[in-house]
C-alpha atoms as a PDB file:
ATOM      1  CA  MET A   1       0.000   0.000   0.000  1.00  0.00           C
ATOM      2  CA  ARG A   2       1.256   3.512  -0.840  1.00  0.00           C
ATOM      3  CA  ASP A   3       2.061   6.246   1.643  1.00  0.00           C
ATOM      4  CA  CYS A   4      -1.036   8.486   1.720  1.00  0.00           C
ATOM      5  CA  ARG A   5       1.084  11.639   1.906  1.00  0.00           C
ATOM      6  CA  ALA A   6       1.894  11.208  -1.777  1.00  0.00           C
ATOM      7  CA  PRO A   7       1.256  13.978  -4.346  1.00  0.00           C
ATOM      8  CA  VAL A   8      -2.309  14.585  -5.509  1.00  0.00           C
ATOM      9  CA  ALA A   9      -1.718  12.778  -8.822  1.00  0.00           C
ATOM     10  CA  ALA A  10      -0.911   9.520  -7.009  1.00  0.00           C
ATOM     11  CA  MET A  11      -3.784   7.284  -5.910  1.00  0.00           C
ATOM     12  CA  CYS A  12      -3.948   6.225  -2.275  1.00  0.00           C
ATOM     13  CA  PHE A  13      -6.354   3.825  -0.575  1.00  0.00           C
ATOM     14  CA  ARG A  14      -6.252   3.327   3.187  1.00  0.00           C
ATOM     15  CA  ASP A  15      -9.071   0.777   3.366  1.00  0.00           C
ATOM     16  CA  ARG A  16     -10.034  -0.980   0.150  1.00  0.00           C
ATOM     17  CA  ASN A  17     -13.071  -2.674   1.729  1.00  0.00           C
ATOM     18  CA  HIS A  18     -14.750   0.590   2.771  1.00  0.00           C
ATOM     19  CA  THR A  19     -16.983   2.533   0.375  1.00  0.00           C
ATOM     20  CA  ASP A  20     -19.321   5.474   0.918  1.00  0.00           C
ATOM     21  CA  THR A  21     -22.530   6.150  -0.929  1.00  0.00           C
ATOM     22  CA  GLY A  22     -23.562   9.642  -1.904  1.00  0.00           C
ATOM     23  CA  LEU A  23     -25.936  11.659  -4.046  1.00  0.00           C
ATOM     24  CA  ASN A  24     -24.952  13.855  -7.006  1.00  0.00           C
ATOM     25  CA  LEU A  25     -27.369  16.616  -8.017  1.00  0.00           C
ATOM     26  CA  PHE A  26     -26.943  18.883 -11.048  1.00  0.00           C
ATOM     27  CA  GLY A  27     -29.157  21.634 -12.409  1.00  0.00           C
ATOM     28  CA  GLY A  28     -28.953  24.783 -14.442  1.00  0.00           C
ATOM     29  CA  TYR A  29     -30.671  27.415 -16.518  1.00  0.00           C
ATOM     30  CA  GLU A  30     -29.827  29.063 -19.846  1.00  0.00           C
ATOM     31  CA  SER A  31     -31.634  31.984 -21.459  1.00  0.00           C
ATOM     32  CA  LEU A  32     -32.276  31.305 -25.144  1.00  0.00           C
ATOM     33  CA  LYS A  33     -33.315  34.835 -26.184  1.00  0.00           C
ATOM     34  CA  GLY A  34     -31.127  36.815 -28.553  1.00  0.00           C
ATOM     35  CA  LYS A  35     -27.604  35.989 -29.734  1.00  0.00           C
ATOM     36  CA  VAL A  36     -26.092  35.992 -26.222  1.00  0.00           C
ATOM     37  CA  HIS A  37     -27.203  33.257 -23.808  1.00  0.00           C
ATOM     38  CA  PRO A  38     -26.226  33.691 -20.141  1.00  0.00           C
ATOM     39  CA  PHE A  39     -26.297  30.500 -18.073  1.00  0.00           C
ATOM     40  CA  VAL A  40     -25.884  29.333 -14.505  1.00  0.00           C
ATOM     41  CA  GLU A  41     -25.406  25.821 -13.136  1.00  0.00           C
ATOM     42  CA  VAL A  42     -25.183  24.274  -9.671  1.00  0.00           C
ATOM     43  CA  ARG A  43     -23.668  20.930  -8.634  1.00  0.00           C
ATOM     44  CA  ILE A  44     -24.189  19.385  -5.204  1.00  0.00           C
ATOM     45  CA  ILE A  45     -22.436  16.270  -3.941  1.00  0.00           C
ATOM     46  CA  ALA A  46     -24.140  15.039  -0.766  1.00  0.00           C
ATOM     47  CA  GLY A  47     -22.520  12.425   1.451  1.00  0.00           C
ATOM     48  CA  ASP A  48     -19.415  12.145   3.577  1.00  0.00           C
ATOM     49  CA  GLY A  49     -17.460  15.263   2.614  1.00  0.00           C
ATOM     50  CA  SER A  50     -20.443  17.092   1.036  1.00  0.00           C
ATOM     51  CA  ARG A  51     -19.726  20.035  -1.236  1.00  0.00           C
ATOM     52  CA  ALA A  52     -21.400  22.383  -3.709  1.00  0.00           C
ATOM     53  CA  GLN A  53     -20.230  24.229  -6.826  1.00  0.00           C
ATOM     54  CA  ALA A  54     -21.803  27.073  -8.770  1.00  0.00           C
ATOM     55  CA  ALA A  55     -20.765  28.293 -12.215  1.00  0.00           C
ATOM     56  CA  GLY A  56     -22.036  30.738 -14.769  1.00  0.00           C
ATOM     57  CA  GLY A  57     -21.103  32.161 -18.106  1.00  0.00           C
ATOM     58  CA  ILE A  58     -22.203  33.358 -21.507  1.00  0.00           C
ATOM     59  CA  ASN A  59     -22.765  31.364 -24.713  1.00  0.00           C
ATOM     60  CA  PHE A  60     -22.716  33.196 -28.062  1.00  0.00           C
ATOM     61  CA  THR A  61     -24.726  32.096 -31.108  1.00  0.00           C
ATOM     62  CA  LEU A  62     -22.511  32.042 -34.184  1.00  0.00           C
END
């Protein structure tokens, strides 16, 4: 088994027989009016070590 203080790119497993279940939720909205389409999206990962992400931006019609 590897030392778990290894760099991020290296994989490390302390207990290979232990798994956690979780729930991934994703949603978003995009305006489709005009040639410029602003959007927003949200991602939520619920479980041990829960976290959320929000992102937004602009899409252009070519």
